[in-house]
Amino acid sequence: MLDFSVTFVITIINIAVLTFILRKILFKPVTKFMADRARRIQESIEQSEKDKTQAKALLAQYDSLIKTAETEANTILNAAREHAKEEADKIIAEGRISADALMANARRQIEMERKAALAVFRKDAAVLVVAASSRLIGREIKNEDSRQYADMLLEEISSKGMGGN
């Protein structure tokens, strides 16, 4: 049947010693290595989660900064547009004032020239009236009479439309 020999006992003892030695030399370091590796992997995963959370926070902060910058840019652009419109309105108003002043000055100058031309016309007309009157009458009219007739004629011409403009 079963024969327990010394070889069988030695083999059992060898297996037990080998198991003890392998446990002390091989299994504990391998188990420790595997535990350290698992711990490092877990720490890497946790660090990755922290980095991911931090990246999301930075992204939100940058988005906020970009929105703030866009708002400020729009505010600056609107202010610049408003300022440009005010400047344009101011320049247009100054141009109108200047044009109105030039027109008023031109009207005054035209009125002065018209009055001067009317005065020259009156003198020339008076001379012509005196000359025509003296030819018609056939005698020379005195200087005082000629002036009186010329003034009356000019007044009548002026009142009827020549000088009424």
C-alpha atoms as a PDB file:
ATOM      1  CA  MET A   1       0.000   0.000   0.000  1.00  0.00           C
ATOM      2  CA  LEU A   2       1.446   3.163   0.958  1.00  0.00           C
ATOM      3  CA  ASP A   3       4.906   3.025   1.839  1.00  0.00           C
ATOM      4  CA  PHE A   4       6.215   6.027   3.621  1.00  0.00           C
ATOM      5  CA  SER A   5       9.775   6.170   2.977  1.00  0.00           C
ATOM      6  CA  VAL A   6      12.371   8.579   4.084  1.00  0.00           C
ATOM      7  CA  THR A   7      12.388  10.151   0.681  1.00  0.00           C
ATOM      8  CA  PHE A   8       8.764  11.033   1.022  1.00  0.00           C
ATOM      9  CA  VAL A   9       9.327  12.728   4.351  1.00  0.00           C
ATOM     10  CA  ILE A  10      12.395  14.565   3.038  1.00  0.00           C
ATOM     11  CA  THR A  11      10.392  15.748   0.040  1.00  0.00           C
ATOM     12  CA  ILE A  12       7.619  17.040   2.332  1.00  0.00           C
ATOM     13  CA  ILE A  13      10.227  18.786   4.498  1.00  0.00           C
ATOM     14  CA  ASN A  14      11.883  20.232   1.372  1.00  0.00           C
ATOM     15  CA  ILE A  15       8.547  21.518   0.139  1.00  0.00           C
ATOM     16  CA  ALA A  16       7.803  23.088   3.527  1.00  0.00           C
ATOM     17  CA  VAL A  17      11.268  24.700   3.741  1.00  0.00           C
ATOM     18  CA  LEU A  18      11.069  25.831   0.160  1.00  0.00           C
ATOM     19  CA  THR A  19       7.634  27.322   0.769  1.00  0.00           C
ATOM     20  CA  PHE A  20       8.928  29.102   3.894  1.00  0.00           C
ATOM     21  CA  ILE A  21      12.022  30.410   2.069  1.00  0.00           C
ATOM     22  CA  LEU A  22      10.019  31.474  -0.973  1.00  0.00           C
ATOM     23  CA  ARG A  23       7.545  33.242   1.278  1.00  0.00           C
ATOM     24  CA  LYS A  24      10.271  35.139   3.069  1.00  0.00           C
ATOM     25  CA  ILE A  25      12.448  35.870   0.053  1.00  0.00           C
ATOM     26  CA  LEU A  26      10.044  36.055  -2.861  1.00  0.00           C
ATOM     27  CA  PHE A  27       6.387  36.480  -1.842  1.00  0.00           C
ATOM     28  CA  LYS A  28       6.845  39.280   0.713  1.00  0.00           C
ATOM     29  CA  PRO A  29       8.954  41.484  -1.617  1.00  0.00           C
ATOM     30  CA  VAL A  30       6.633  40.774  -4.540  1.00  0.00           C
ATOM     31  CA  THR A  31       3.592  41.504  -2.375  1.00  0.00           C
ATOM     32  CA  LYS A  32       5.279  44.669  -1.074  1.00  0.00           C
ATOM     33  CA  PHE A  33       6.188  45.669  -4.666  1.00  0.00           C
ATOM     34  CA  MET A  34       2.603  45.074  -5.814  1.00  0.00           C
ATOM     35  CA  ALA A  35       1.202  47.069  -2.870  1.00  0.00           C
ATOM     36  CA  ASP A  36       3.621  49.953  -3.563  1.00  0.00           C
ATOM     37  CA  ARG A  37       2.699  49.835  -7.221  1.00  0.00           C
ATOM     38  CA  ALA A  38      -1.014  49.912  -6.401  1.00  0.00           C
ATOM     39  CA  ARG A  39      -0.415  52.824  -3.972  1.00  0.00           C
ATOM     40  CA  ARG A  40       1.524  54.790  -6.641  1.00  0.00           C
ATOM     41  CA  ILE A  41      -1.192  54.151  -9.209  1.00  0.00           C
ATOM     42  CA  GLN A  42      -3.828  55.326  -6.723  1.00  0.00           C
ATOM     43  CA  GLU A  43      -1.751  58.453  -5.940  1.00  0.00           C
ATOM     44  CA  SER A  44      -1.372  59.124  -9.682  1.00  0.00           C
ATOM     45  CA  ILE A  45      -5.116  58.776 -10.162  1.00  0.00           C
ATOM     46  CA  GLU A  46      -5.778  61.144  -7.243  1.00  0.00           C
ATOM     47  CA  GLN A  47      -3.199  63.637  -8.565  1.00  0.00           C
ATOM     48  CA  SER A  48      -4.806  63.415 -12.009  1.00  0.00           C
ATOM     49  CA  GLU A  49      -8.202  64.158 -10.463  1.00  0.00           C
ATOM     50  CA  LYS A  50      -6.715  67.139  -8.592  1.00  0.00           C
ATOM     51  CA  ASP A  51      -5.074  68.395 -11.802  1.00  0.00           C
ATOM     52  CA  LYS A  52      -8.331  67.927 -13.696  1.00  0.00           C
ATOM     53  CA  THR A  53     -10.250  69.887 -11.050  1.00  0.00           C
ATOM     54  CA  GLN A  54      -7.594  72.600 -11.067  1.00  0.00           C
ATOM     55  CA  ALA A  55      -7.683  72.744 -14.881  1.00  0.00           C
ATOM     56  CA  LYS A  56     -11.466  73.142 -14.800  1.00  0.00           C
ATOM     57  CA  ALA A  57     -11.136  75.947 -12.254  1.00  0.00           C
ATOM     58  CA  LEU A  58      -8.503  77.679 -14.418  1.00  0.00           C
ATOM     59  CA  LEU A  59     -10.700  77.260 -17.482  1.00  0.00           C
ATOM     60  CA  ALA A  60     -13.634  78.832 -15.664  1.00  0.00           C
ATOM     61  CA  GLN A  61     -11.370  81.662 -14.476  1.00  0.00           C
ATOM     62  CA  TYR A  62     -10.053  82.261 -18.014  1.00  0.00           C
ATOM     63  CA  ASP A  63     -13.596  82.190 -19.392  1.00  0.00           C
ATOM     64  CA  SER A  64     -14.583  84.776 -16.813  1.00  0.00           C
ATOM     65  CA  LEU A  65     -11.563  86.921 -17.700  1.00  0.00           C
ATOM     66  CA  ILE A  66     -12.378  86.661 -21.403  1.00  0.00           C
ATOM     67  CA  LYS A  67     -15.986  87.677 -20.790  1.00  0.00           C
ATOM     68  CA  THR A  68     -14.806  90.595 -18.648  1.00  0.00           C
ATOM     69  CA  ALA A  69     -12.334  91.639 -21.345  1.00  0.00           C
ATOM     70  CA  GLU A  70     -15.043  91.422 -24.010  1.00  0.00           C
ATOM     71  CA  THR A  71     -17.378  93.521 -21.880  1.00  0.00           C
ATOM     72  CA  GLU A  72     -14.652  96.103 -21.295  1.00  0.00           C
ATOM     73  CA  ALA A  73     -13.797  96.127 -25.003  1.00  0.00           C
ATOM     74  CA  ASN A  74     -17.446  96.685 -25.902  1.00  0.00           C
ATOM     75  CA  THR A  75     -17.677  99.459 -23.318  1.00  0.00           C
ATOM     76  CA  ILE A  76     -14.549 101.119 -24.713  1.00  0.00           C
ATOM     77  CA  LEU A  77     -15.828 100.771 -28.285  1.00  0.00           C
ATOM     78  CA  ASN A  78     -19.204 102.234 -27.362  1.00  0.00           C
ATOM     79  CA  ALA A  79     -17.523 105.125 -25.544  1.00  0.00           C
ATOM     80  CA  ALA A  80     -15.252 105.732 -28.536  1.00  0.00           C
ATOM     81  CA  ARG A  81     -18.216 105.676 -30.908  1.00  0.00           C
ATOM     82  CA  GLU A  82     -20.125 108.089 -28.699  1.00  0.00           C
ATOM     83  CA  HIS A  83     -17.112 110.389 -28.428  1.00  0.00           C
ATOM     84  CA  ALA A  84     -16.618 110.286 -32.203  1.00  0.00           C
ATOM     85  CA  LYS A  85     -20.292 111.101 -32.745  1.00  0.00           C
ATOM     86  CA  GLU A  86     -20.055 114.005 -30.303  1.00  0.00           C
ATOM     87  CA  GLU A  87     -16.930 115.274 -32.066  1.00  0.00           C
ATOM     88  CA  ALA A  88     -18.627 114.947 -35.455  1.00  0.00           C
ATOM     89  CA  ASP A  89     -21.686 116.804 -34.185  1.00  0.00           C
ATOM     90  CA  LYS A  90     -19.440 119.485 -32.710  1.00  0.00           C
ATOM     91  CA  ILE A  91     -17.506 119.872 -35.970  1.00  0.00           C
ATOM     92  CA  ILE A  92     -20.752 120.017 -37.964  1.00  0.00           C
ATOM     93  CA  ALA A  93     -22.175 122.644 -35.588  1.00  0.00           C
ATOM     94  CA  GLU A  94     -18.979 124.703 -35.844  1.00  0.00           C
ATOM     95  CA  GLY A  95     -19.148 124.389 -39.645  1.00  0.00           C
ATOM     96  CA  ARG A  96     -22.745 125.587 -39.656  1.00  0.00           C
ATOM     97  CA  ILE A  97     -21.893 128.512 -37.410  1.00  0.00           C
ATOM     98  CA  SER A  98     -18.951 129.379 -39.638  1.00  0.00           C
ATOM     99  CA  ALA A  99     -21.099 129.061 -42.775  1.00  0.00           C
ATOM    100  CA  ASP A 100     -23.820 131.214 -41.213  1.00  0.00           C
ATOM    101  CA  ALA A 101     -21.223 133.838 -40.295  1.00  0.00           C
ATOM    102  CA  LEU A 102     -19.821 133.763 -43.823  1.00  0.00           C
ATOM    103  CA  MET A 103     -23.324 134.084 -45.272  1.00  0.00           C
ATOM    104  CA  ALA A 104     -24.148 137.008 -42.977  1.00  0.00           C
ATOM    105  CA  ASN A 105     -20.864 138.667 -43.882  1.00  0.00           C
ATOM    106  CA  ALA A 106     -21.530 138.097 -47.593  1.00  0.00           C
ATOM    107  CA  ARG A 107     -25.049 139.548 -47.225  1.00  0.00           C
ATOM    108  CA  ARG A 108     -23.665 142.616 -45.461  1.00  0.00           C
ATOM    109  CA  GLN A 109     -21.056 143.047 -48.164  1.00  0.00           C
ATOM    110  CA  ILE A 110     -23.673 142.612 -50.914  1.00  0.00           C
ATOM    111  CA  GLU A 111     -25.939 145.158 -49.182  1.00  0.00           C
ATOM    112  CA  MET A 112     -23.041 147.632 -48.902  1.00  0.00           C
ATOM    113  CA  GLU A 113     -22.159 147.123 -52.572  1.00  0.00           C
ATOM    114  CA  ARG A 114     -25.828 147.532 -53.531  1.00  0.00           C
ATOM    115  CA  LYS A 115     -26.037 150.782 -51.574  1.00  0.00           C
ATOM    116  CA  ALA A 116     -22.801 151.989 -53.144  1.00  0.00           C
ATOM    117  CA  ALA A 117     -24.071 151.083 -56.623  1.00  0.00           C
ATOM    118  CA  LEU A 118     -27.374 152.797 -55.840  1.00  0.00           C
ATOM    119  CA  ALA A 119     -25.496 155.931 -54.756  1.00  0.00           C
ATOM    120  CA  VAL A 120     -23.464 155.883 -57.982  1.00  0.00           C
ATOM    121  CA  PHE A 121     -26.667 155.326 -59.933  1.00  0.00           C
ATOM    122  CA  ARG A 122     -28.301 158.281 -58.188  1.00  0.00           C
ATOM    123  CA  LYS A 123     -25.377 160.544 -59.043  1.00  0.00           C
ATOM    124  CA  ASP A 124     -25.347 159.403 -62.655  1.00  0.00           C
ATOM    125  CA  ALA A 125     -29.122 159.650 -62.855  1.00  0.00           C
ATOM    126  CA  ALA A 126     -29.044 163.140 -61.384  1.00  0.00           C
ATOM    127  CA  VAL A 127     -26.514 164.240 -63.985  1.00  0.00           C
ATOM    128  CA  LEU A 128     -28.577 162.681 -66.770  1.00  0.00           C
ATOM    129  CA  VAL A 129     -31.804 164.258 -65.456  1.00  0.00           C
ATOM    130  CA  VAL A 130     -30.200 167.658 -65.275  1.00  0.00           C
ATOM    131  CA  ALA A 131     -28.772 167.269 -68.771  1.00  0.00           C
ATOM    132  CA  ALA A 132     -32.070 166.015 -70.176  1.00  0.00           C
ATOM    133  CA  SER A 133     -34.049 168.714 -68.376  1.00  0.00           C
ATOM    134  CA  SER A 134     -31.828 171.507 -69.606  1.00  0.00           C
ATOM    135  CA  ARG A 135     -32.104 170.258 -73.172  1.00  0.00           C
ATOM    136  CA  LEU A 136     -35.854 170.050 -72.884  1.00  0.00           C
ATOM    137  CA  ILE A 137     -36.220 173.423 -71.343  1.00  0.00           C
ATOM    138  CA  GLY A 138     -33.599 174.876 -73.561  1.00  0.00           C
ATOM    139  CA  ARG A 139     -31.913 176.809 -70.895  1.00  0.00           C
ATOM    140  CA  GLU A 140     -29.532 176.054 -68.167  1.00  0.00           C
ATOM    141  CA  ILE A 141     -30.981 175.176 -64.846  1.00  0.00           C
ATOM    142  CA  LYS A 142     -29.331 176.474 -61.776  1.00  0.00           C
ATOM    143  CA  ASN A 143     -27.346 174.070 -59.766  1.00  0.00           C
ATOM    144  CA  GLU A 144     -29.759 174.325 -56.828  1.00  0.00           C
ATOM    145  CA  ASP A 145     -32.796 173.696 -59.026  1.00  0.00           C
ATOM    146  CA  SER A 146     -31.191 170.759 -60.792  1.00  0.00           C
ATOM    147  CA  ARG A 147     -30.406 169.116 -57.517  1.00  0.00           C
ATOM    148  CA  GLN A 148     -33.913 169.619 -56.286  1.00  0.00           C
ATOM    149  CA  TYR A 149     -35.408 168.075 -59.441  1.00  0.00           C
ATOM    150  CA  ALA A 150     -32.911 165.226 -59.429  1.00  0.00           C
ATOM    151  CA  ASP A 151     -33.653 164.397 -55.768  1.00  0.00           C
ATOM    152  CA  MET A 152     -37.393 164.404 -56.424  1.00  0.00           C
ATOM    153  CA  LEU A 153     -36.956 162.114 -59.429  1.00  0.00           C
ATOM    154  CA  LEU A 154     -34.716 159.725 -57.517  1.00  0.00           C
ATOM    155  CA  GLU A 155     -37.143 159.614 -54.599  1.00  0.00           C
ATOM    156  CA  GLU A 156     -39.941 158.738 -56.949  1.00  0.00           C
ATOM    157  CA  ILE A 157     -37.846 156.043 -58.682  1.00  0.00           C
ATOM    158  CA  SER A 158     -36.742 154.642 -55.321  1.00  0.00           C
ATOM    159  CA  SER A 159     -40.270 154.493 -53.930  1.00  0.00           C
ATOM    160  CA  LYS A 160     -41.588 152.677 -57.025  1.00  0.00           C
ATOM    161  CA  GLY A 161     -39.252 149.758 -56.839  1.00  0.00           C
ATOM    162  CA  MET A 162     -35.701 150.511 -57.815  1.00  0.00           C
ATOM    163  CA  GLY A 163     -34.364 150.997 -54.336  1.00  0.00           C
ATOM    164  CA  GLY A 164     -37.069 149.143 -52.414  1.00  0.00           C
ATOM    165  CA  ASN A 165     -35.261 145.794 -52.658  1.00  0.00           C
END
